[in-house]
Amino acid sequence: MDRLSFSYLQIKEQEFYSSALNMVNAIQQGIKKVQIDTNTVLYATQDGSNILTLIFNIEFTVESEEKDKQLLTSIALEHIFNVAELENNIRDLKDKKIPDYVEILASIAYSSTRGYLTARNYGSPIQSYLLPVVEPSALVKGLNLNSSLSESIS
C-alpha cells in the first residue's frame, strides 16, 4: 500500500461510569496514586462501507486501605474512521497482523481520547491524572482484534 486516504468521522462516548462513593472515599483517604488501565479494540464494518472503529476502554482506579482496587470512573470511547478501500487494506487482519496504518489511526484516536478525558474529568478529584503520552507502537501492541472482523475477511 503506497498511500492511505482516511477521514476521522467522529468520537462517540459509548459508556461512562463514575462512582461518587468511591470518589468520596478516595478523597477522604487522600488520593495517593490513581492507576489508569486501557484496553483497545479494533473492528471494521462488514457491509463494505469502509468504516474502521477503534474503541478505548479506560478505567481510573485507586487502591483502598484494604489493598483492593476501587473503580473511580470508567469510560469507553469509540473512534470512527472512514478508510478508503478498507477491504483492500485489511487483509492482514485475517492473519491477526496489524497493518501499519492502524498505528497512525490509533495515535490520532489516543490523542483525541487524552483531550476528551481532560475535558470530561475537569472539576473532578481526578482532573490532574491524565492519560500518559505513549509511543504509537505501544498502542497497537496489545490491540484486541474483534474476532468477527478476522473471520469476515476472505
Protein backbone atom coordinates (compact mmCIF):
# COMPACT_ATOMS: atom_id res chain seq x y z
CA MET A 1 0.00 0.00 0.00
CA ASP A 2 1.59 3.25 -1.11
CA ARG A 3 -1.00 5.69 0.13
CA LEU A 4 -3.87 5.64 2.54
CA SER A 5 -6.76 8.03 2.42
CA PHE A 6 -8.95 8.33 5.50
CA SER A 7 -11.15 10.74 7.41
CA TYR A 8 -11.83 10.89 11.14
CA LEU A 9 -15.60 10.88 11.30
CA GLN A 10 -16.40 11.11 14.99
CA ILE A 11 -15.67 10.28 18.60
CA LYS A 12 -18.57 8.74 20.50
CA GLU A 13 -18.87 8.11 24.20
CA GLN A 14 -20.22 4.58 24.40
CA GLU A 15 -20.29 4.23 28.14
CA PHE A 16 -19.43 6.31 31.18
CA TYR A 17 -19.43 5.22 34.81
CA SER A 18 -18.41 7.15 37.87
CA SER A 19 -18.71 6.10 41.49
CA ALA A 20 -19.43 9.07 43.75
CA LEU A 21 -18.99 6.87 46.83
CA ASN A 22 -15.54 5.64 45.73
CA MET A 23 -14.54 9.21 44.83
CA VAL A 24 -15.57 10.46 48.31
CA ASN A 25 -13.71 7.57 49.98
CA ALA A 26 -10.60 8.25 47.90
CA ILE A 27 -10.69 11.95 48.77
CA GLN A 28 -11.16 11.23 52.47
CA GLN A 29 -8.26 8.77 52.46
CA GLY A 30 -6.17 11.12 50.36
CA ILE A 31 -5.67 10.08 46.76
CA LYS A 32 -2.12 8.79 46.63
CA LYS A 33 -1.99 7.04 43.31
CA VAL A 34 -4.53 6.65 40.54
CA GLN A 35 -3.98 3.70 38.24
CA ILE A 36 -5.11 4.11 34.65
CA ASP A 37 -5.77 0.96 32.64
CA THR A 38 -6.58 0.94 28.94
CA ASN A 39 -7.84 -1.74 26.62
CA THR A 40 -8.17 -1.14 22.89
CA VAL A 41 -10.42 -2.96 20.44
CA LEU A 42 -10.32 -2.67 16.65
CA TYR A 43 -13.10 -3.67 14.32
CA ALA A 44 -14.36 -2.92 10.84
CA THR A 45 -17.86 -2.97 9.46
CA GLN A 46 -18.74 -5.90 7.27
CA ASP A 47 -21.06 -4.05 4.91
CA GLY A 48 -18.43 -2.58 2.59
CA SER A 49 -18.82 0.95 3.97
CA ASN A 50 -15.09 1.43 4.70
CA ILE A 51 -15.71 2.16 8.39
CA LEU A 52 -12.96 1.21 10.83
CA THR A 53 -13.53 1.70 14.56
CA LEU A 54 -11.11 1.85 17.47
CA ILE A 55 -12.54 1.66 20.98
CA PHE A 56 -10.55 2.71 24.03
CA ASN A 57 -11.85 1.31 27.33
CA ILE A 58 -10.28 3.26 30.19
CA GLU A 59 -10.53 2.76 33.94
CA PHE A 60 -9.30 5.01 36.72
CA THR A 61 -8.84 3.06 39.96
CA VAL A 62 -7.29 3.61 43.38
CA GLU A 63 -6.08 1.11 45.94
CA SER A 64 -8.15 1.13 49.11
CA GLU A 65 -6.78 0.75 52.64
CA GLU A 66 -7.70 -2.94 52.35
CA LYS A 67 -5.43 -3.14 49.27
CA ASP A 68 -8.25 -3.84 46.83
CA LYS A 69 -8.92 -1.80 43.70
CA GLN A 70 -11.77 0.67 43.79
CA LEU A 71 -13.11 1.89 40.48
CA LEU A 72 -13.43 5.67 40.40
CA THR A 73 -14.54 6.08 36.81
CA SER A 74 -14.54 4.21 33.54
CA ILE A 75 -15.26 5.28 30.01
CA ALA A 76 -15.45 3.65 26.59
CA LEU A 77 -14.74 5.94 23.66
CA GLU A 78 -15.40 4.88 20.09
CA HIS A 79 -13.34 6.49 17.32
CA ILE A 80 -14.81 6.08 13.86
CA PHE A 81 -12.72 6.42 10.71
CA ASN A 82 -13.64 6.15 7.06
CA VAL A 83 -10.72 4.39 5.34
CA ALA A 84 -10.70 4.42 1.54
CA GLU A 85 -10.65 0.92 0.07
CA LEU A 86 -10.74 -0.61 3.53
CA GLU A 87 -11.42 -4.12 2.22
CA ASN A 88 -8.19 -4.00 0.23
CA ASN A 89 -6.26 -2.63 3.20
CA ILE A 90 -7.28 -5.05 5.96
CA ARG A 91 -6.32 -8.42 4.52
CA ASP A 92 -3.57 -8.78 7.15
CA LEU A 93 -6.16 -8.78 9.91
CA LYS A 94 -7.32 -12.20 8.73
CA ASP A 95 -3.91 -13.49 9.83
CA LYS A 96 -4.03 -11.42 13.05
CA LYS A 97 -1.42 -8.98 11.69
CA ILE A 98 -1.91 -5.30 12.38
CA PRO A 99 -1.46 -3.17 9.23
CA ASP A 100 1.00 -0.26 9.60
CA TYR A 101 -1.67 2.38 9.08
CA VAL A 102 -3.57 1.24 12.19
CA GLU A 103 -0.73 2.67 14.29
CA ILE A 104 -1.37 6.10 12.74
CA LEU A 105 -5.12 5.88 13.34
CA ALA A 106 -4.57 4.64 16.91
CA SER A 107 -2.24 7.55 17.61
CA ILE A 108 -4.84 10.05 16.37
CA ALA A 109 -7.60 8.34 18.37
CA TYR A 110 -5.48 8.14 21.54
CA SER A 111 -4.55 11.83 21.35
CA SER A 112 -8.24 12.66 20.96
CA THR A 113 -9.03 10.43 23.93
CA ARG A 114 -6.49 12.29 26.08
CA GLY A 115 -8.15 15.61 25.24
CA TYR A 116 -11.66 14.22 25.72
CA LEU A 117 -10.82 12.84 29.16
CA THR A 118 -9.13 16.07 30.22
CA ALA A 119 -12.37 17.92 29.45
CA ARG A 120 -14.61 15.16 30.90
CA ASN A 121 -12.70 14.96 34.20
CA TYR A 122 -12.38 18.73 34.62
CA GLY A 123 -13.52 19.75 38.09
CA SER A 124 -13.41 16.20 39.45
CA PRO A 125 -10.92 14.91 42.03
CA ILE A 126 -9.04 13.07 39.26
CA GLN A 127 -8.71 16.03 36.89
CA SER A 128 -4.94 16.15 37.38
CA TYR A 129 -4.49 12.50 36.38
CA LEU A 130 -4.00 12.44 32.62
CA LEU A 131 -3.50 9.60 30.22
CA PRO A 132 0.23 9.37 29.64
CA VAL A 133 1.83 10.16 26.31
CA VAL A 134 2.80 6.85 24.73
CA GLU A 135 4.63 5.67 21.64
CA PRO A 136 2.19 4.83 18.83
CA SER A 137 3.67 1.33 18.53
CA ALA A 138 2.69 0.66 22.17
CA LEU A 139 -0.93 1.46 21.32
CA VAL A 140 -1.23 -1.37 18.83
CA LYS A 141 0.99 -3.87 20.63
CA GLY A 142 -1.86 -5.09 22.85
CA LEU A 143 -4.63 -4.40 20.36
CA ASN A 144 -7.61 -6.72 20.55
CA LEU A 145 -8.92 -7.65 17.13
CA ASN A 146 -12.63 -8.22 17.05
CA SER A 147 -12.93 -11.91 16.20
CA SER A 148 -15.81 -11.36 13.77
CA LEU A 149 -13.57 -8.96 11.85
CA SER A 150 -10.89 -11.54 11.14
CA GLU A 151 -13.48 -14.18 10.34
CA SER A 152 -15.38 -11.94 7.92
CA ILE A 153 -12.39 -11.12 5.73
CA SER A 154 -11.89 -13.55 2.89
